[in-house]
Amino acid sequence: AILVREFTRNRAARPSWSTAGPHRMSSSMALHASLHCPAAREWTEPHLHAANLVYPVFVTLANEDRDIPGFDPNKQWGAGSGASFDGLVAHLRELEPKGLRSVMLFGVVKDKDAVGTKADCADSNPVILATRALRKALPDMMILADVCLCEYSDHGHCGILREVEGEEVICNTSTLERLANIALAYARAGAHWVCPSDMMDGRVAAIRQLLTANGFAHVGIMAYTSKKASSMYAPFRAAVESTFTGDRKRYQQPLGSVLHARQALARDESEGASVVLVKPALFYGDIIKEYAQQSRLPVACYIVSGEYVMIKDYGDRTGDLESVLRESHVSMLRAGASILVTYFTPQLLDLIPKWR
């Protein structure tokens, strides 16, 4: 009798789908009804907006705009006559009515030296000159300026070097002063945000202190908080004509390390960062998600040059770049990023209205 009661009780507790045949299930377990209508499917997905996008561009002192081999349709935008950057202004002016609100500037120079002298020369740094031109021509555009020495140093490293036991390594202390002065120069030129991508310890605090002391407490700092020693940067280095050889493993983070990303988040938050950024993006959704869950700050991610080439190549090969762009960029939103730095910004601005 006890066995019969136990059998009856267990059978009654089973869900209906396990007892009513292989083709029937409880309505609470069904997914197809919620997937039937396109509008209903959109309820469950994040939506990409133009305001999420930051467009990275390369600026030079050249008279003309130049294509970047292997990185099309991205260009080195020339200053032209009078440092008016007419080509870049015209390009951005076409994108602004489509919703473009933010552009990130990277400088390309010919004269490089050990301390990156050209990084903050008021009359010959392309980022400073382009910032002035864009603030005048496009007053509603938000300007973000990359802060690093790699584009300006003859060795291509992100900071000043010192010798240790016969080997040149980064001098963190000397580099902090240079980075803070560069950030201040960009703020004085009119940049709304400075974006230290160098990965030095303490650079956010040094930059924030100098900006505040000089009346620029309102300028934001987008800190590259998780930046991996990745193989995904080669097209960028070509774009800025970098002389870099070797690796940056002593200051950029190991590919598989979450611990360093966590330590960097605590460091940059405590030093006064306004936004924390993950770079690269596609392979590091776990870090984006953890930052979004743990941080008090907005999370950005950078779909870097190597990722751009991979996505574009696959999209071109399949003949469906639109679907590839949507899947790759929505995945970053799903992970928790609200700011996407992406070379695909012009294409996305055309596609976003179709996806709503």
Protein backbone atom coordinates (compact mmCIF):
# COMPACT_ATOMS: atom_id res chain seq x y z
CA ALA A 1 0.00 0.00 0.00
CA ILE A 2 2.86 2.38 0.85
CA LEU A 3 4.51 1.66 -2.52
CA VAL A 4 1.23 2.27 -4.37
CA ARG A 5 0.70 5.63 -2.62
CA GLU A 6 4.32 6.68 -3.36
CA PHE A 7 3.98 5.71 -7.04
CA THR A 8 0.69 7.62 -7.35
CA ARG A 9 2.12 10.73 -5.66
CA ASN A 10 5.26 10.79 -7.87
CA ARG A 11 3.19 10.29 -11.02
CA ALA A 12 0.88 13.16 -10.11
CA ALA A 13 3.86 15.48 -9.49
CA ARG A 14 5.36 14.93 -12.93
CA PRO A 15 4.96 17.78 -15.46
CA SER A 16 2.31 17.21 -18.10
CA TRP A 17 4.85 16.98 -20.91
CA SER A 18 6.38 13.83 -19.43
CA THR A 19 3.10 11.92 -19.26
CA ALA A 20 0.95 13.17 -22.10
CA GLY A 21 2.91 11.93 -25.11
CA PRO A 22 6.00 13.06 -26.98
CA HIS A 23 4.29 15.85 -28.96
CA ARG A 24 2.59 17.70 -26.12
CA MET A 25 4.08 19.96 -23.48
CA SER A 26 3.01 22.41 -20.85
CA SER A 27 2.21 25.85 -22.27
CA SER A 28 4.60 27.33 -19.74
CA MET A 29 7.48 25.51 -21.46
CA ALA A 30 6.68 26.56 -25.05
CA LEU A 31 8.83 29.11 -26.90
CA HIS A 32 7.37 29.10 -30.40
CA ALA A 33 4.40 31.30 -29.52
CA SER A 34 6.70 34.09 -28.35
CA LEU A 35 8.81 33.76 -31.53
CA HIS A 36 5.99 33.77 -34.08
CA CYS A 37 5.59 37.52 -34.62
CA PRO A 38 8.59 39.72 -35.57
CA ALA A 39 7.46 42.47 -33.18
CA ALA A 40 7.30 40.02 -30.28
CA ARG A 41 10.79 38.75 -31.00
CA GLU A 42 12.09 42.30 -30.68
CA TRP A 43 10.75 42.54 -27.12
CA THR A 44 13.52 40.22 -25.96
CA GLU A 45 16.47 41.89 -27.71
CA PRO A 46 18.50 45.04 -27.04
CA HIS A 47 18.23 47.63 -29.79
CA LEU A 48 21.16 49.48 -31.28
CA HIS A 49 20.79 53.25 -31.49
CA ALA A 50 22.95 55.82 -33.23
CA ALA A 51 23.75 57.33 -29.84
CA ASN A 52 25.53 54.09 -28.87
CA LEU A 53 28.14 54.60 -31.58
CA VAL A 54 31.55 56.27 -31.47
CA TYR A 55 33.28 56.62 -34.84
CA PRO A 56 37.11 56.27 -34.73
CA VAL A 57 38.97 58.23 -37.42
CA PHE A 58 42.61 58.93 -38.29
CA VAL A 59 43.83 62.49 -38.86
CA THR A 60 47.08 63.69 -40.45
CA LEU A 61 48.83 66.88 -41.49
CA ALA A 62 48.78 65.83 -45.15
CA ASN A 63 47.16 68.04 -47.75
CA GLU A 64 44.96 65.24 -49.06
CA ASP A 65 42.90 62.35 -47.74
CA ARG A 66 44.46 58.93 -48.25
CA ASP A 67 43.08 55.41 -48.35
CA ILE A 68 44.52 52.93 -45.84
CA PRO A 69 45.55 49.73 -47.68
CA GLY A 70 43.79 46.68 -46.29
CA PHE A 71 41.52 48.81 -44.12
CA ASP A 72 39.07 50.27 -46.60
CA PRO A 73 37.01 52.38 -46.65
CA ASN A 74 38.77 53.95 -43.65
CA LYS A 75 41.08 56.83 -44.50
CA GLN A 76 43.80 59.04 -43.17
CA TRP A 77 41.98 62.36 -43.22
CA GLY A 78 44.28 65.19 -44.25
CA ALA A 79 44.39 68.64 -42.67
CA GLY A 80 44.38 70.33 -46.07
CA SER A 81 44.94 74.05 -46.42
CA GLY A 82 44.62 75.98 -43.22
CA ALA A 83 44.09 72.81 -41.15
CA SER A 84 40.39 72.93 -41.99
CA PHE A 85 40.10 69.15 -42.55
CA ASP A 86 37.56 69.75 -45.30
CA GLY A 87 37.34 66.09 -46.32
CA LEU A 88 36.67 64.86 -42.79
CA VAL A 89 34.21 67.67 -42.09
CA ALA A 90 32.28 66.84 -45.27
CA HIS A 91 32.26 63.13 -44.38
CA LEU A 92 30.99 63.72 -40.86
CA ARG A 93 28.48 66.29 -42.05
CA GLU A 94 26.87 63.57 -44.19
CA LEU A 95 26.66 61.27 -41.17
CA GLU A 96 25.38 63.78 -38.65
CA PRO A 97 21.77 63.87 -39.96
CA LYS A 98 21.75 60.07 -39.74
CA GLY A 99 22.41 60.30 -36.01
CA LEU A 100 26.20 60.45 -35.60
CA ARG A 101 27.01 62.25 -32.36
CA SER A 102 30.52 61.12 -31.37
CA VAL A 103 33.88 60.81 -33.11
CA MET A 104 37.21 59.57 -31.67
CA LEU A 105 40.42 61.05 -33.12
CA PHE A 106 43.75 59.27 -33.62
CA GLY A 107 46.78 61.18 -34.86
CA VAL A 108 49.22 60.14 -37.59
CA VAL A 109 52.56 61.96 -37.80
CA LYS A 110 55.83 61.58 -39.68
CA ASP A 111 58.26 63.04 -37.14
CA LYS A 112 58.46 60.57 -34.27
CA ASP A 113 60.89 60.56 -31.34
CA ALA A 114 61.53 58.72 -28.07
CA VAL A 115 59.13 60.81 -25.97
CA GLY A 116 56.40 61.46 -28.54
CA THR A 117 57.02 65.20 -28.75
CA LYS A 118 54.41 65.66 -31.49
CA ALA A 119 51.65 64.26 -29.29
CA ASP A 120 50.88 67.64 -27.72
CA CYS A 121 52.38 70.25 -30.06
CA ALA A 122 49.67 72.86 -30.29
CA ASP A 123 50.53 73.95 -33.83
CA SER A 124 51.50 70.60 -35.40
CA ASN A 125 49.50 67.83 -33.75
CA PRO A 126 46.73 66.59 -36.04
CA VAL A 127 44.38 65.67 -33.16
CA ILE A 128 44.60 69.19 -31.72
CA LEU A 129 44.13 70.81 -35.13
CA ALA A 130 41.27 68.49 -36.08
CA THR A 131 39.54 69.08 -32.75
CA ARG A 132 39.59 72.82 -33.32
CA ALA A 133 38.31 72.42 -36.88
CA LEU A 134 35.50 70.05 -35.91
CA ARG A 135 34.37 72.13 -32.94
CA LYS A 136 34.03 75.09 -35.30
CA ALA A 137 32.45 73.28 -38.27
CA LEU A 138 30.30 70.78 -36.35
CA PRO A 139 29.52 72.34 -32.96
CA ASP A 140 27.10 69.59 -31.92
CA MET A 141 29.60 66.77 -32.51
CA MET A 142 31.17 65.24 -29.37
CA ILE A 143 34.94 64.94 -29.75
CA LEU A 144 36.91 62.17 -28.05
CA ALA A 145 40.71 62.20 -28.29
CA ASP A 146 42.95 59.16 -27.93
CA VAL A 147 45.74 59.69 -25.41
CA CYS A 148 48.80 57.52 -26.00
CA LEU A 149 52.40 57.74 -27.18
CA CYS A 150 52.37 54.79 -29.58
CA GLU A 151 51.36 56.91 -32.60
CA TYR A 152 54.09 59.48 -31.86
CA SER A 153 57.08 57.52 -30.52
CA ASP A 154 59.85 56.20 -32.76
CA HIS A 155 59.87 52.91 -30.85
CA GLY A 156 56.09 52.51 -31.06
CA HIS A 157 55.55 51.72 -27.40
CA CYS A 158 52.78 53.39 -25.44
CA GLY A 159 55.09 55.18 -23.02
CA ILE A 160 58.60 56.41 -22.34
CA LEU A 161 61.24 53.69 -22.07
CA ARG A 162 63.99 53.10 -19.52
CA GLU A 163 66.78 50.56 -19.44
CA VAL A 164 66.67 47.67 -16.97
CA GLU A 165 69.46 45.10 -17.06
CA GLY A 166 70.32 46.00 -20.62
CA GLU A 167 66.71 45.90 -21.83
CA GLU A 168 64.36 48.78 -22.60
CA VAL A 169 61.10 48.64 -20.65
CA ILE A 170 58.30 51.07 -19.88
CA CYS A 171 58.97 53.83 -17.36
CA ASN A 172 55.56 54.21 -15.79
CA THR A 173 56.41 57.29 -13.70
CA SER A 174 57.83 59.38 -16.55
CA THR A 175 55.02 58.33 -18.85
CA LEU A 176 52.30 59.56 -16.47
CA GLU A 177 53.46 63.16 -16.70
CA ARG A 178 53.56 63.01 -20.52
CA LEU A 179 50.08 61.48 -20.74
CA ALA A 180 48.57 64.05 -18.39
CA ASN A 181 50.07 66.91 -20.39
CA ILE A 182 48.82 65.41 -23.66
CA ALA A 183 45.31 65.06 -22.23
CA LEU A 184 45.42 68.67 -21.04
CA ALA A 185 46.48 69.85 -24.50
CA TYR A 186 43.52 68.03 -26.06
CA ALA A 187 41.12 69.46 -23.50
CA ARG A 188 42.42 72.96 -24.21
CA ALA A 189 41.83 72.36 -27.93
CA GLY A 190 38.19 71.56 -27.18
CA ALA A 191 37.98 67.78 -26.72
CA HIS A 192 34.97 66.76 -24.67
CA TRP A 193 36.59 63.45 -23.67
CA VAL A 194 40.14 62.14 -23.38
CA CYS A 195 40.71 58.43 -23.83
CA PRO A 196 43.94 57.04 -22.33
CA SER A 197 44.71 53.80 -24.19
CA ASP A 198 48.29 53.44 -22.90
CA MET A 199 47.65 51.05 -19.98
CA MET A 200 49.96 52.74 -17.49
CA ASP A 201 49.21 52.36 -13.79
CA GLY A 202 47.88 55.59 -12.30
CA ARG A 203 47.27 57.45 -15.55
CA VAL A 204 43.58 58.12 -14.88
CA ALA A 205 44.41 59.79 -11.56
CA ALA A 206 47.25 61.82 -13.09
CA ILE A 207 45.04 63.01 -15.96
CA ARG A 208 42.06 63.79 -13.72
CA GLN A 209 44.21 65.77 -11.29
CA LEU A 210 45.80 67.91 -14.02
CA LEU A 211 42.53 68.49 -15.85
CA THR A 212 40.78 69.60 -12.67
CA ALA A 213 43.64 71.86 -11.64
CA ASN A 214 43.41 73.65 -14.99
CA GLY A 215 39.65 74.16 -15.10
CA PHE A 216 38.70 71.05 -17.09
CA ALA A 217 36.92 68.99 -14.45
CA HIS A 218 34.02 68.75 -16.92
CA VAL A 219 36.09 66.78 -19.46
CA GLY A 220 35.35 63.06 -19.32
CA ILE A 221 37.88 60.25 -19.17
CA MET A 222 37.11 57.10 -21.12
CA ALA A 223 39.66 54.69 -19.66
CA TYR A 224 40.88 51.68 -21.59
CA THR A 225 40.45 49.44 -18.57
CA SER A 226 40.65 45.96 -20.09
CA LYS A 227 43.07 46.10 -23.02
CA LYS A 228 44.56 42.79 -23.99
CA ALA A 229 47.98 42.12 -25.57
CA SER A 230 46.03 41.03 -28.62
CA SER A 231 46.88 40.01 -32.17
CA MET A 232 43.92 42.08 -33.41
CA TYR A 233 45.66 45.46 -33.77
CA ALA A 234 47.73 45.09 -36.97
CA PRO A 235 45.53 47.18 -39.33
CA PHE A 236 45.46 50.00 -36.76
CA ARG A 237 49.25 50.03 -36.56
CA ALA A 238 49.38 50.31 -40.33
CA ALA A 239 46.87 53.16 -40.21
CA VAL A 240 49.01 55.20 -37.78
CA GLU A 241 52.24 54.18 -39.54
CA SER A 242 53.60 52.67 -36.35
CA THR A 243 57.25 51.65 -36.10
CA PHE A 244 56.46 49.17 -33.32
CA THR A 245 58.14 45.78 -33.09
CA GLY A 246 58.03 43.22 -30.28
CA ASP A 247 55.15 42.98 -27.83
CA ARG A 248 53.45 44.94 -25.07
CA LYS A 249 52.89 42.08 -22.66
CA ARG A 250 54.48 43.91 -19.74
CA TYR A 251 51.74 46.52 -19.61
CA GLN A 252 48.82 45.20 -21.66
CA GLN A 253 46.84 42.39 -20.05
CA PRO A 254 47.23 38.65 -20.75
CA LEU A 255 44.66 37.30 -23.17
CA GLY A 256 43.16 34.77 -20.79
CA SER A 257 43.28 36.83 -17.60
CA VAL A 258 40.08 37.94 -15.90
CA LEU A 259 41.98 38.79 -12.71
CA HIS A 260 43.88 41.66 -14.33
CA ALA A 261 40.64 43.02 -15.80
CA ARG A 262 39.07 43.01 -12.33
CA GLN A 263 42.07 44.74 -10.76
CA ALA A 264 42.07 47.37 -13.52
CA LEU A 265 38.37 48.04 -13.01
CA ALA A 266 38.87 48.72 -9.31
CA ARG A 267 41.90 50.90 -10.09
CA ASP A 268 40.27 53.03 -12.80
CA GLU A 269 37.02 53.51 -10.90
CA SER A 270 38.91 54.68 -7.81
CA GLU A 271 41.06 57.09 -9.86
CA GLY A 272 38.14 58.95 -11.42
CA ALA A 273 37.33 57.32 -14.75
CA SER A 274 34.01 58.36 -16.31
CA VAL A 275 33.65 55.30 -18.59
CA VAL A 276 35.49 51.96 -18.62
CA LEU A 277 36.33 50.34 -21.94
CA VAL A 278 37.02 46.76 -23.03
CA LYS A 279 39.34 46.20 -26.02
CA PRO A 280 39.14 44.03 -28.11
CA ALA A 281 35.43 43.28 -27.92
CA LEU A 282 34.21 40.19 -29.76
CA PHE A 283 36.33 37.65 -27.88
CA TYR A 284 35.80 39.32 -24.50
CA GLY A 285 32.06 39.35 -23.92
CA ASP A 286 32.64 37.76 -20.52
CA ILE A 287 34.63 40.79 -19.37
CA ILE A 288 32.07 43.22 -20.80
CA LYS A 289 29.35 41.38 -18.91
CA GLU A 290 31.29 41.35 -15.64
CA TYR A 291 32.06 45.06 -15.93
CA ALA A 292 28.40 45.83 -16.64
CA GLN A 293 27.33 43.83 -13.59
CA GLN A 294 30.01 45.09 -11.21
CA SER A 295 30.81 48.66 -12.23
CA ARG A 296 29.03 51.86 -11.32
CA LEU A 297 30.17 53.35 -14.65
CA PRO A 298 29.02 53.01 -18.26
CA VAL A 299 30.83 50.28 -20.16
CA ALA A 300 32.27 50.83 -23.64
CA CYS A 301 33.83 48.32 -25.98
CA TYR A 302 36.06 48.79 -29.01
CA ILE A 303 35.53 46.58 -32.07
CA VAL A 304 39.17 46.90 -33.09
CA SER A 305 40.79 46.95 -36.52
CA GLY A 306 41.47 43.22 -36.72
CA GLU A 307 37.90 42.45 -35.71
CA TYR A 308 36.73 44.92 -38.35
CA VAL A 309 38.66 43.07 -41.05
CA MET A 310 37.32 39.69 -39.90
CA ILE A 311 33.70 40.86 -39.81
CA LYS A 312 33.94 42.68 -43.14
CA ASP A 313 35.63 39.74 -44.86
CA TYR A 314 33.00 37.28 -43.68
CA GLY A 315 30.18 39.66 -44.53
CA ASP A 316 31.59 40.19 -48.02
CA ARG A 317 32.10 36.46 -48.54
CA THR A 318 28.54 35.61 -47.53
CA GLY A 319 27.03 38.57 -49.34
CA ASP A 320 25.15 39.47 -46.16
CA LEU A 321 27.24 42.03 -44.30
CA GLU A 322 24.08 43.51 -42.80
CA SER A 323 23.25 40.35 -40.85
CA VAL A 324 26.85 39.95 -39.70
CA LEU A 325 26.98 43.55 -38.49
CA ARG A 326 23.73 43.21 -36.59
CA GLU A 327 24.71 39.97 -34.87
CA SER A 328 28.20 41.12 -33.92
CA HIS A 329 27.20 44.54 -32.59
CA VAL A 330 23.98 43.51 -30.83
CA SER A 331 26.01 40.85 -29.04
CA MET A 332 28.06 43.62 -27.41
CA LEU A 333 24.88 45.32 -26.20
CA ARG A 334 23.59 41.99 -24.91
CA ALA A 335 26.81 41.51 -22.94
CA GLY A 336 26.26 44.87 -21.27
CA ALA A 337 28.09 47.56 -23.26
CA SER A 338 26.21 50.79 -23.94
CA ILE A 339 28.96 52.47 -25.99
CA LEU A 340 30.38 50.83 -29.13
CA VAL A 341 33.55 52.25 -30.69
CA THR A 342 33.37 50.83 -34.20
CA TYR A 343 34.76 51.50 -37.66
CA PHE A 344 31.43 50.27 -39.02
CA THR A 345 29.66 53.39 -37.76
CA PRO A 346 28.83 54.79 -41.25
CA GLN A 347 27.28 51.49 -42.36
CA LEU A 348 25.42 51.05 -39.08
CA LEU A 349 23.89 54.49 -39.30
CA ASP A 350 22.26 53.43 -42.57
CA LEU A 351 21.11 50.10 -41.19
CA ILE A 352 19.79 51.04 -37.75
CA PRO A 353 16.52 52.56 -39.05
CA LYS A 354 15.77 49.25 -40.80
CA TRP A 355 16.27 47.30 -37.58
CA ARG A 356 13.76 49.23 -35.49
